[in-house]
Amino acid sequence: MKAKREIVCLCNSVSRDVIEKAIRDGADTLNKIFDATSAGVGPCGGSCRRKLGPMLDHYLETGTFPEKLKSDNTGKCK
């Protein structure tokens, strides 16, 4: 069972369930996720974007969210 209250964006205290809802409601780009949730636009410079990108990609490819969030550490997040 995944931790739905997992905080993904520490700067703005945005939880995984809020981000998942935004994606299900049509936030199909990182910018739309940022606008809908304020995740990824905190004072840290958006370090959670490394998790948001793979999370969004997984959903767009499969229609489901990954059980465990993984970070893209390649530096190529969209």
PDB file of N, CA and C in Angstrom:
ATOM      1  N   MET A   1       0.844  -1.181   0.000  1.00  0.00           N
ATOM      2  CA  MET A   1       0.000   0.000   0.000  1.00  0.00           C
ATOM      3  C   MET A   1       0.889   1.244   0.000  1.00  0.00           C
ATOM      4  N   LYS A   2       0.638   2.136  -0.934  1.00  0.00           N
ATOM      5  CA  LYS A   2       1.491   3.328  -1.004  1.00  0.00           C
ATOM      6  C   LYS A   2       1.039   4.394  -0.006  1.00  0.00           C
ATOM      7  N   ALA A   3       1.992   5.171   0.421  1.00  0.00           N
ATOM      8  CA  ALA A   3       1.721   6.229   1.398  1.00  0.00           C
ATOM      9  C   ALA A   3       1.140   7.434   0.667  1.00  0.00           C
ATOM     10  N   LYS A   4      -0.167   7.585   0.684  1.00  0.00           N
ATOM     11  CA  LYS A   4      -0.828   8.672  -0.027  1.00  0.00           C
ATOM     12  C   LYS A   4      -0.488  10.029   0.574  1.00  0.00           C
ATOM     13  N   ARG A   5      -0.191  10.098   1.839  1.00  0.00           N
ATOM     14  CA  ARG A   5       0.123  11.371   2.479  1.00  0.00           C
ATOM     15  C   ARG A   5       1.610  11.689   2.374  1.00  0.00           C
ATOM     16  N   GLU A   6       2.300  10.949   1.581  1.00  0.00           N
ATOM     17  CA  GLU A   6       3.716  11.210   1.358  1.00  0.00           C
ATOM     18  C   GLU A   6       3.881  12.635   0.821  1.00  0.00           C
ATOM     19  N   ILE A   7       4.744  13.408   1.445  1.00  0.00           N
ATOM     20  CA  ILE A   7       5.011  14.768   0.981  1.00  0.00           C
ATOM     21  C   ILE A   7       6.066  14.690  -0.118  1.00  0.00           C
ATOM     22  N   VAL A   8       5.711  15.165  -1.291  1.00  0.00           N
ATOM     23  CA  VAL A   8       6.615  15.138  -2.436  1.00  0.00           C
ATOM     24  C   VAL A   8       7.364  16.460  -2.531  1.00  0.00           C
ATOM     25  N   CYS A   9       6.650  17.568  -2.361  1.00  0.00           N
ATOM     26  CA  CYS A   9       7.259  18.893  -2.398  1.00  0.00           C
ATOM     27  C   CYS A   9       7.389  19.403  -0.966  1.00  0.00           C
ATOM     28  N   LEU A  10       8.601  19.316  -0.443  1.00  0.00           N
ATOM     29  CA  LEU A  10       8.818  19.707   0.950  1.00  0.00           C
ATOM     30  C   LEU A  10       8.669  21.211   1.157  1.00  0.00           C
ATOM     31  N   CYS A  11       9.117  22.016   0.207  1.00  0.00           N
ATOM     32  CA  CYS A  11       9.057  23.474   0.367  1.00  0.00           C
ATOM     33  C   CYS A  11       7.629  23.983   0.529  1.00  0.00           C
ATOM     34  N   ASN A  12       6.721  23.425  -0.264  1.00  0.00           N
ATOM     35  CA  ASN A  12       5.337  23.895  -0.240  1.00  0.00           C
ATOM     36  C   ASN A  12       4.386  22.892   0.396  1.00  0.00           C
ATOM     37  N   SER A  13       4.931  21.853   1.016  1.00  0.00           N
ATOM     38  CA  SER A  13       4.147  20.820   1.704  1.00  0.00           C
ATOM     39  C   SER A  13       3.036  20.248   0.836  1.00  0.00           C
ATOM     40  N   VAL A  14       3.386  19.874  -0.386  1.00  0.00           N
ATOM     41  CA  VAL A  14       2.400  19.302  -1.299  1.00  0.00           C
ATOM     42  C   VAL A  14       2.528  17.782  -1.250  1.00  0.00           C
ATOM     43  N   SER A  15       1.418  17.137  -0.940  1.00  0.00           N
ATOM     44  CA  SER A  15       1.430  15.689  -0.780  1.00  0.00           C
ATOM     45  C   SER A  15       1.226  14.971  -2.112  1.00  0.00           C
ATOM     46  N   ARG A  16       1.577  13.724  -2.097  1.00  0.00           N
ATOM     47  CA  ARG A  16       1.436  12.887  -3.285  1.00  0.00           C
ATOM     48  C   ARG A  16      -0.013  12.817  -3.752  1.00  0.00           C
ATOM     49  N   ASP A  17      -0.953  12.703  -2.821  1.00  0.00           N
ATOM     50  CA  ASP A  17      -2.355  12.586  -3.232  1.00  0.00           C
ATOM     51  C   ASP A  17      -2.843  13.843  -3.948  1.00  0.00           C
ATOM     52  N   VAL A  18      -2.366  15.020  -3.556  1.00  0.00           N
ATOM     53  CA  VAL A  18      -2.736  16.268  -4.230  1.00  0.00           C
ATOM     54  C   VAL A  18      -2.172  16.290  -5.647  1.00  0.00           C
ATOM     55  N   ILE A  19      -0.943  15.840  -5.798  1.00  0.00           N
ATOM     56  CA  ILE A  19      -0.311  15.808  -7.122  1.00  0.00           C
ATOM     57  C   ILE A  19      -1.010  14.785  -8.019  1.00  0.00           C
ATOM     58  N   GLU A  20      -1.302  13.620  -7.477  1.00  0.00           N
ATOM     59  CA  GLU A  20      -2.000  12.601  -8.263  1.00  0.00           C
ATOM     60  C   GLU A  20      -3.363  13.097  -8.720  1.00  0.00           C
ATOM     61  N   LYS A  21      -4.080  13.791  -7.851  1.00  0.00           N
ATOM     62  CA  LYS A  21      -5.392  14.328  -8.231  1.00  0.00           C
ATOM     63  C   LYS A  21      -5.247  15.339  -9.359  1.00  0.00           C
ATOM     64  N   ALA A  22      -4.256  16.207  -9.266  1.00  0.00           N
ATOM     65  CA  ALA A  22      -4.038  17.203 -10.325  1.00  0.00           C
ATOM     66  C   ALA A  22      -3.759  16.520 -11.659  1.00  0.00           C
ATOM     67  N   ILE A  23      -2.966  15.471 -11.636  1.00  0.00           N
ATOM     68  CA  ILE A  23      -2.656  14.742 -12.869  1.00  0.00           C
ATOM     69  C   ILE A  23      -3.910  14.073 -13.413  1.00  0.00           C
ATOM     70  N   ARG A  24      -4.665  13.417 -12.550  1.00  0.00           N
ATOM     71  CA  ARG A  24      -5.917  12.785 -12.995  1.00  0.00           C
ATOM     72  C   ARG A  24      -6.889  13.814 -13.549  1.00  0.00           C
ATOM     73  N   ASP A  25      -6.844  15.031 -13.016  1.00  0.00           N
ATOM     74  CA  ASP A  25      -7.746  16.100 -13.454  1.00  0.00           C
ATOM     75  C   ASP A  25      -7.243  16.830 -14.700  1.00  0.00           C
ATOM     76  N   GLY A  26      -6.135  16.371 -15.278  1.00  0.00           N
ATOM     77  CA  GLY A  26      -5.699  16.929 -16.549  1.00  0.00           C
ATOM     78  C   GLY A  26      -4.361  17.630 -16.582  1.00  0.00           C
ATOM     79  N   ALA A  27      -3.655  17.692 -15.471  1.00  0.00           N
ATOM     80  CA  ALA A  27      -2.322  18.310 -15.472  1.00  0.00           C
ATOM     81  C   ALA A  27      -1.365  17.334 -16.142  1.00  0.00           C
ATOM     82  N   ASP A  28      -1.196  17.482 -17.464  1.00  0.00           N
ATOM     83  CA  ASP A  28      -0.419  16.517 -18.231  1.00  0.00           C
ATOM     84  C   ASP A  28       0.972  17.022 -18.632  1.00  0.00           C
ATOM     85  N   THR A  29       1.402  18.111 -18.000  1.00  0.00           N
ATOM     86  CA  THR A  29       2.767  18.609 -18.154  1.00  0.00           C
ATOM     87  C   THR A  29       3.255  19.043 -16.775  1.00  0.00           C
ATOM     88  N   LEU A  30       4.561  19.165 -16.633  1.00  0.00           N
ATOM     89  CA  LEU A  30       5.090  19.639 -15.355  1.00  0.00           C
ATOM     90  C   LEU A  30       4.590  21.046 -15.043  1.00  0.00           C
ATOM     91  N   ASN A  31       4.537  21.909 -16.040  1.00  0.00           N
ATOM     92  CA  ASN A  31       4.051  23.269 -15.782  1.00  0.00           C
ATOM     93  C   ASN A  31       2.622  23.274 -15.268  1.00  0.00           C
ATOM     94  N   LYS A  32       1.784  22.395 -15.799  1.00  0.00           N
ATOM     95  CA  LYS A  32       0.395  22.319 -15.318  1.00  0.00           C
ATOM     96  C   LYS A  32       0.341  21.799 -13.880  1.00  0.00           C
ATOM     97  N   ILE A  33       1.242  20.868 -13.552  1.00  0.00           N
ATOM     98  CA  ILE A  33       1.315  20.386 -12.164  1.00  0.00           C
ATOM     99  C   ILE A  33       1.750  21.528 -11.254  1.00  0.00           C
ATOM    100  N   PHE A  34       2.754  22.295 -11.677  1.00  0.00           N
ATOM    101  CA  PHE A  34       3.227  23.427 -10.875  1.00  0.00           C
ATOM    102  C   PHE A  34       2.077  24.397 -10.625  1.00  0.00           C
ATOM    103  N   ASP A  35       1.333  24.737 -11.687  1.00  0.00           N
ATOM    104  CA  ASP A  35       0.232  25.696 -11.574  1.00  0.00           C
ATOM    105  C   ASP A  35      -0.892  25.182 -10.685  1.00  0.00           C
ATOM    106  N   ALA A  36      -1.213  23.896 -10.797  1.00  0.00           N
ATOM    107  CA  ALA A  36      -2.337  23.332 -10.058  1.00  0.00           C
ATOM    108  C   ALA A  36      -2.037  23.073  -8.590  1.00  0.00           C
ATOM    109  N   THR A  37      -0.761  22.842  -8.266  1.00  0.00           N
ATOM    110  CA  THR A  37      -0.450  22.386  -6.910  1.00  0.00           C
ATOM    111  C   THR A  37       0.578  23.226  -6.163  1.00  0.00           C
ATOM    112  N   SER A  38       1.341  24.011  -6.831  1.00  0.00           N
ATOM    113  CA  SER A  38       2.503  24.761  -6.323  1.00  0.00           C
ATOM    114  C   SER A  38       3.709  23.864  -6.040  1.00  0.00           C
ATOM    115  N   ALA A  39       3.600  22.572  -6.359  1.00  0.00           N
ATOM    116  CA  ALA A  39       4.756  21.680  -6.236  1.00  0.00           C
ATOM    117  C   ALA A  39       5.763  22.042  -7.318  1.00  0.00           C
ATOM    118  N   GLY A  40       7.028  22.010  -6.960  1.00  0.00           N
ATOM    119  CA  GLY A  40       8.087  22.231  -7.934  1.00  0.00           C
ATOM    120  C   GLY A  40       8.494  23.674  -8.117  1.00  0.00           C
ATOM    121  N   VAL A  41       7.884  24.574  -7.363  1.00  0.00           N
ATOM    122  CA  VAL A  41       8.200  25.995  -7.529  1.00  0.00           C
ATOM    123  C   VAL A  41       8.584  26.645  -6.200  1.00  0.00           C
ATOM    124  N   GLY A  42       9.167  25.856  -5.315  1.00  0.00           N
ATOM    125  CA  GLY A  42       9.537  26.372  -3.999  1.00  0.00           C
ATOM    126  C   GLY A  42      10.899  27.040  -4.002  1.00  0.00           C
ATOM    127  N   PRO A  43      11.283  27.556  -2.856  1.00  0.00           N
ATOM    128  CA  PRO A  43      12.547  28.266  -2.735  1.00  0.00           C
ATOM    129  C   PRO A  43      13.775  27.392  -2.988  1.00  0.00           C
ATOM    130  N   CYS A  44      13.614  26.074  -2.980  1.00  0.00           N
ATOM    131  CA  CYS A  44      14.768  25.193  -3.235  1.00  0.00           C
ATOM    132  C   CYS A  44      15.110  25.148  -4.718  1.00  0.00           C
ATOM    133  N   GLY A  45      14.251  25.695  -5.544  1.00  0.00           N
ATOM    134  CA  GLY A  45      14.490  25.658  -6.979  1.00  0.00           C
ATOM    135  C   GLY A  45      13.817  24.487  -7.670  1.00  0.00           C
ATOM    136  N   GLY A  46      12.968  23.793  -6.957  1.00  0.00           N
ATOM    137  CA  GLY A  46      12.211  22.711  -7.571  1.00  0.00           C
ATOM    138  C   GLY A  46      12.883  21.360  -7.530  1.00  0.00           C
ATOM    139  N   SER A  47      13.520  21.021  -6.423  1.00  0.00           N
ATOM    140  CA  SER A  47      14.211  19.732  -6.349  1.00  0.00           C
ATOM    141  C   SER A  47      13.251  18.550  -6.499  1.00  0.00           C
ATOM    142  N   CYS A  48      11.982  18.728  -6.183  1.00  0.00           N
ATOM    143  CA  CYS A  48      11.021  17.622  -6.306  1.00  0.00           C
ATOM    144  C   CYS A  48      10.660  17.344  -7.758  1.00  0.00           C
ATOM    145  N   ARG A  49      11.063  18.209  -8.666  1.00  0.00           N
ATOM    146  CA  ARG A  49      10.786  17.968 -10.087  1.00  0.00           C
ATOM    147  C   ARG A  49      11.392  16.658 -10.545  1.00  0.00           C
ATOM    148  N   ARG A  50      12.472  16.223  -9.896  1.00  0.00           N
ATOM    149  CA  ARG A  50      13.102  14.943 -10.249  1.00  0.00           C
ATOM    150  C   ARG A  50      12.184  13.764  -9.950  1.00  0.00           C
ATOM    151  N   LYS A  51      11.208  13.959  -9.059  1.00  0.00           N
ATOM    152  CA  LYS A  51      10.216  12.917  -8.792  1.00  0.00           C
ATOM    153  C   LYS A  51       8.950  13.149  -9.613  1.00  0.00           C
ATOM    154  N   LEU A  52       8.598  14.404  -9.823  1.00  0.00           N
ATOM    155  CA  LEU A  52       7.371  14.713 -10.554  1.00  0.00           C
ATOM    156  C   LEU A  52       7.435  14.236 -12.000  1.00  0.00           C
ATOM    157  N   GLY A  53       8.573  14.412 -12.647  1.00  0.00           N
ATOM    158  CA  GLY A  53       8.717  14.010 -14.040  1.00  0.00           C
ATOM    159  C   GLY A  53       8.466  12.519 -14.247  1.00  0.00           C
ATOM    160  N   PRO A  54       9.190  11.651 -13.538  1.00  0.00           N
ATOM    161  CA  PRO A  54       8.950  10.210 -13.689  1.00  0.00           C
ATOM    162  C   PRO A  54       7.536   9.797 -13.278  1.00  0.00           C
ATOM    163  N   MET A  55       6.986  10.446 -12.264  1.00  0.00           N
ATOM    164  CA  MET A  55       5.619  10.146 -11.822  1.00  0.00           C
ATOM    165  C   MET A  55       4.630  10.453 -12.945  1.00  0.00           C
ATOM    166  N   LEU A  56       4.762  11.623 -13.554  1.00  0.00           N
ATOM    167  CA  LEU A  56       3.886  12.020 -14.653  1.00  0.00           C
ATOM    168  C   LEU A  56       4.083  11.100 -15.853  1.00  0.00           C
ATOM    169  N   ASP A  57       5.316  10.823 -16.218  1.00  0.00           N
ATOM    170  CA  ASP A  57       5.590   9.944 -17.359  1.00  0.00           C
ATOM    171  C   ASP A  57       4.958   8.569 -17.160  1.00  0.00           C
ATOM    172  N   HIS A  58       5.095   8.023 -15.959  1.00  0.00           N
ATOM    173  CA  HIS A  58       4.522   6.701 -15.661  1.00  0.00           C
ATOM    174  C   HIS A  58       3.013   6.737 -15.832  1.00  0.00           C
ATOM    175  N   TYR A  59       2.381   7.773 -15.320  1.00  0.00           N
ATOM    176  CA  TYR A  59       0.923   7.887 -15.443  1.00  0.00           C
ATOM    177  C   TYR A  59       0.506   8.018 -16.907  1.00  0.00           C
ATOM    178  N   LEU A  60       1.197   8.849 -17.668  1.00  0.00           N
ATOM    179  CA  LEU A  60       0.833   9.051 -19.072  1.00  0.00           C
ATOM    180  C   LEU A  60       1.032   7.775 -19.901  1.00  0.00           C
ATOM    181  N   GLU A  61       1.997   6.957 -19.517  1.00  0.00           N
ATOM    182  CA  GLU A  61       2.260   5.717 -20.244  1.00  0.00           C
ATOM    183  C   GLU A  61       1.345   4.578 -19.839  1.00  0.00           C
ATOM    184  N   THR A  62       0.966   4.521 -18.556  1.00  0.00           N
ATOM    185  CA  THR A  62       0.243   3.349 -18.052  1.00  0.00           C
ATOM    186  C   THR A  62      -1.155   3.636 -17.530  1.00  0.00           C
ATOM    187  N   GLY A  63      -1.450   4.894 -17.222  1.00  0.00           N
ATOM    188  CA  GLY A  63      -2.744   5.215 -16.623  1.00  0.00           C
ATOM    189  C   GLY A  63      -2.793   4.933 -15.131  1.00  0.00           C
ATOM    190  N   THR A  64      -1.631   4.594 -14.569  1.00  0.00           N
ATOM    191  CA  THR A  64      -1.533   4.341 -13.135  1.00  0.00           C
ATOM    192  C   THR A  64      -0.322   5.099 -12.591  1.00  0.00           C
ATOM    193  N   PHE A  65      -0.295   5.235 -11.294  1.00  0.00           N
ATOM    194  CA  PHE A  65       0.846   5.877 -10.647  1.00  0.00           C
ATOM    195  C   PHE A  65       1.798   4.806 -10.133  1.00  0.00           C
ATOM    196  N   PRO A  66       3.096   5.106 -10.134  1.00  0.00           N
ATOM    197  CA  PRO A  66       4.051   4.111  -9.625  1.00  0.00           C
ATOM    198  C   PRO A  66       3.830   3.880  -8.138  1.00  0.00           C
ATOM    199  N   GLU A  67       4.066   2.666  -7.723  1.00  0.00           N
ATOM    200  CA  GLU A  67       3.921   2.331  -6.306  1.00  0.00           C
ATOM    201  C   GLU A  67       4.913   3.140  -5.464  1.00  0.00           C
ATOM    202  N   LYS A  68       6.135   3.214  -5.955  1.00  0.00           N
ATOM    203  CA  LYS A  68       7.185   3.949  -5.248  1.00  0.00           C
ATOM    204  C   LYS A  68       7.730   5.027  -6.178  1.00  0.00           C
ATOM    205  N   LEU A  69       7.877   6.230  -5.656  1.00  0.00           N
ATOM    206  CA  LEU A  69       8.407   7.321  -6.455  1.00  0.00           C
ATOM    207  C   LEU A  69       9.920   7.195  -6.570  1.00  0.00           C
ATOM    208  N   LYS A  70      10.401   7.380  -7.785  1.00  0.00           N
ATOM    209  CA  LYS A  70      11.834   7.344  -8.050  1.00  0.00           C
ATOM    210  C   LYS A  70      12.248   8.687  -8.596  1.00  0.00           C
ATOM    211  N   SER A  71      13.452   9.075  -8.294  1.00  0.00           N
ATOM    212  CA  SER A  71      13.989  10.342  -8.791  1.00  0.00           C
ATOM    213  C   SER A  71      14.732  10.138 -10.095  1.00  0.00           C
ATOM    214  N   ASP A  72      14.554  11.077 -11.012  1.00  0.00           N
ATOM    215  CA  ASP A  72      15.349  11.118 -12.237  1.00  0.00           C
ATOM    216  C   ASP A  72      16.567  11.965 -11.910  1.00  0.00           C
ATOM    217  N   ASN A  73      17.693  11.335 -11.809  1.00  0.00           N
ATOM    218  CA  ASN A  73      18.921  12.062 -11.444  1.00  0.00           C
ATOM    219  C   ASN A  73      19.818  12.331 -12.645  1.00  0.00           C
ATOM    220  N   THR A  74      19.235  12.259 -13.846  1.00  0.00           N
ATOM    221  CA  THR A  74      20.022  12.504 -15.047  1.00  0.00           C
ATOM    222  C   THR A  74      20.178  13.987 -15.335  1.00  0.00           C
ATOM    223  N   GLY A  75      19.367  14.811 -14.674  1.00  0.00           N
ATOM    224  CA  GLY A  75      19.410  16.245 -14.924  1.00  0.00           C
ATOM    225  C   GLY A  75      18.636  16.659 -16.155  1.00  0.00           C
ATOM    226  N   LYS A  76      17.813  15.759 -16.667  1.00  0.00           N
ATOM    227  CA  LYS A  76      17.080  16.027 -17.898  1.00  0.00           C
ATOM    228  C   LYS A  76      15.577  16.101 -17.681  1.00  0.00           C
ATOM    229  N   CYS A  77      15.136  16.408 -16.476  1.00  0.00           N
ATOM    230  CA  CYS A  77      13.695  16.497 -16.225  1.00  0.00           C
ATOM    231  C   CYS A  77      13.090  17.595 -17.093  1.00  0.00           C
ATOM    232  N   LYS A  78      11.904  17.307 -17.550  1.00  0.00           N
ATOM    233  CA  LYS A  78      11.202  18.237 -18.452  1.00  0.00           C
ATOM    234  C   LYS A  78      10.759  19.474 -17.757  1.00  0.00           C
TER     235      LYS A  78
END
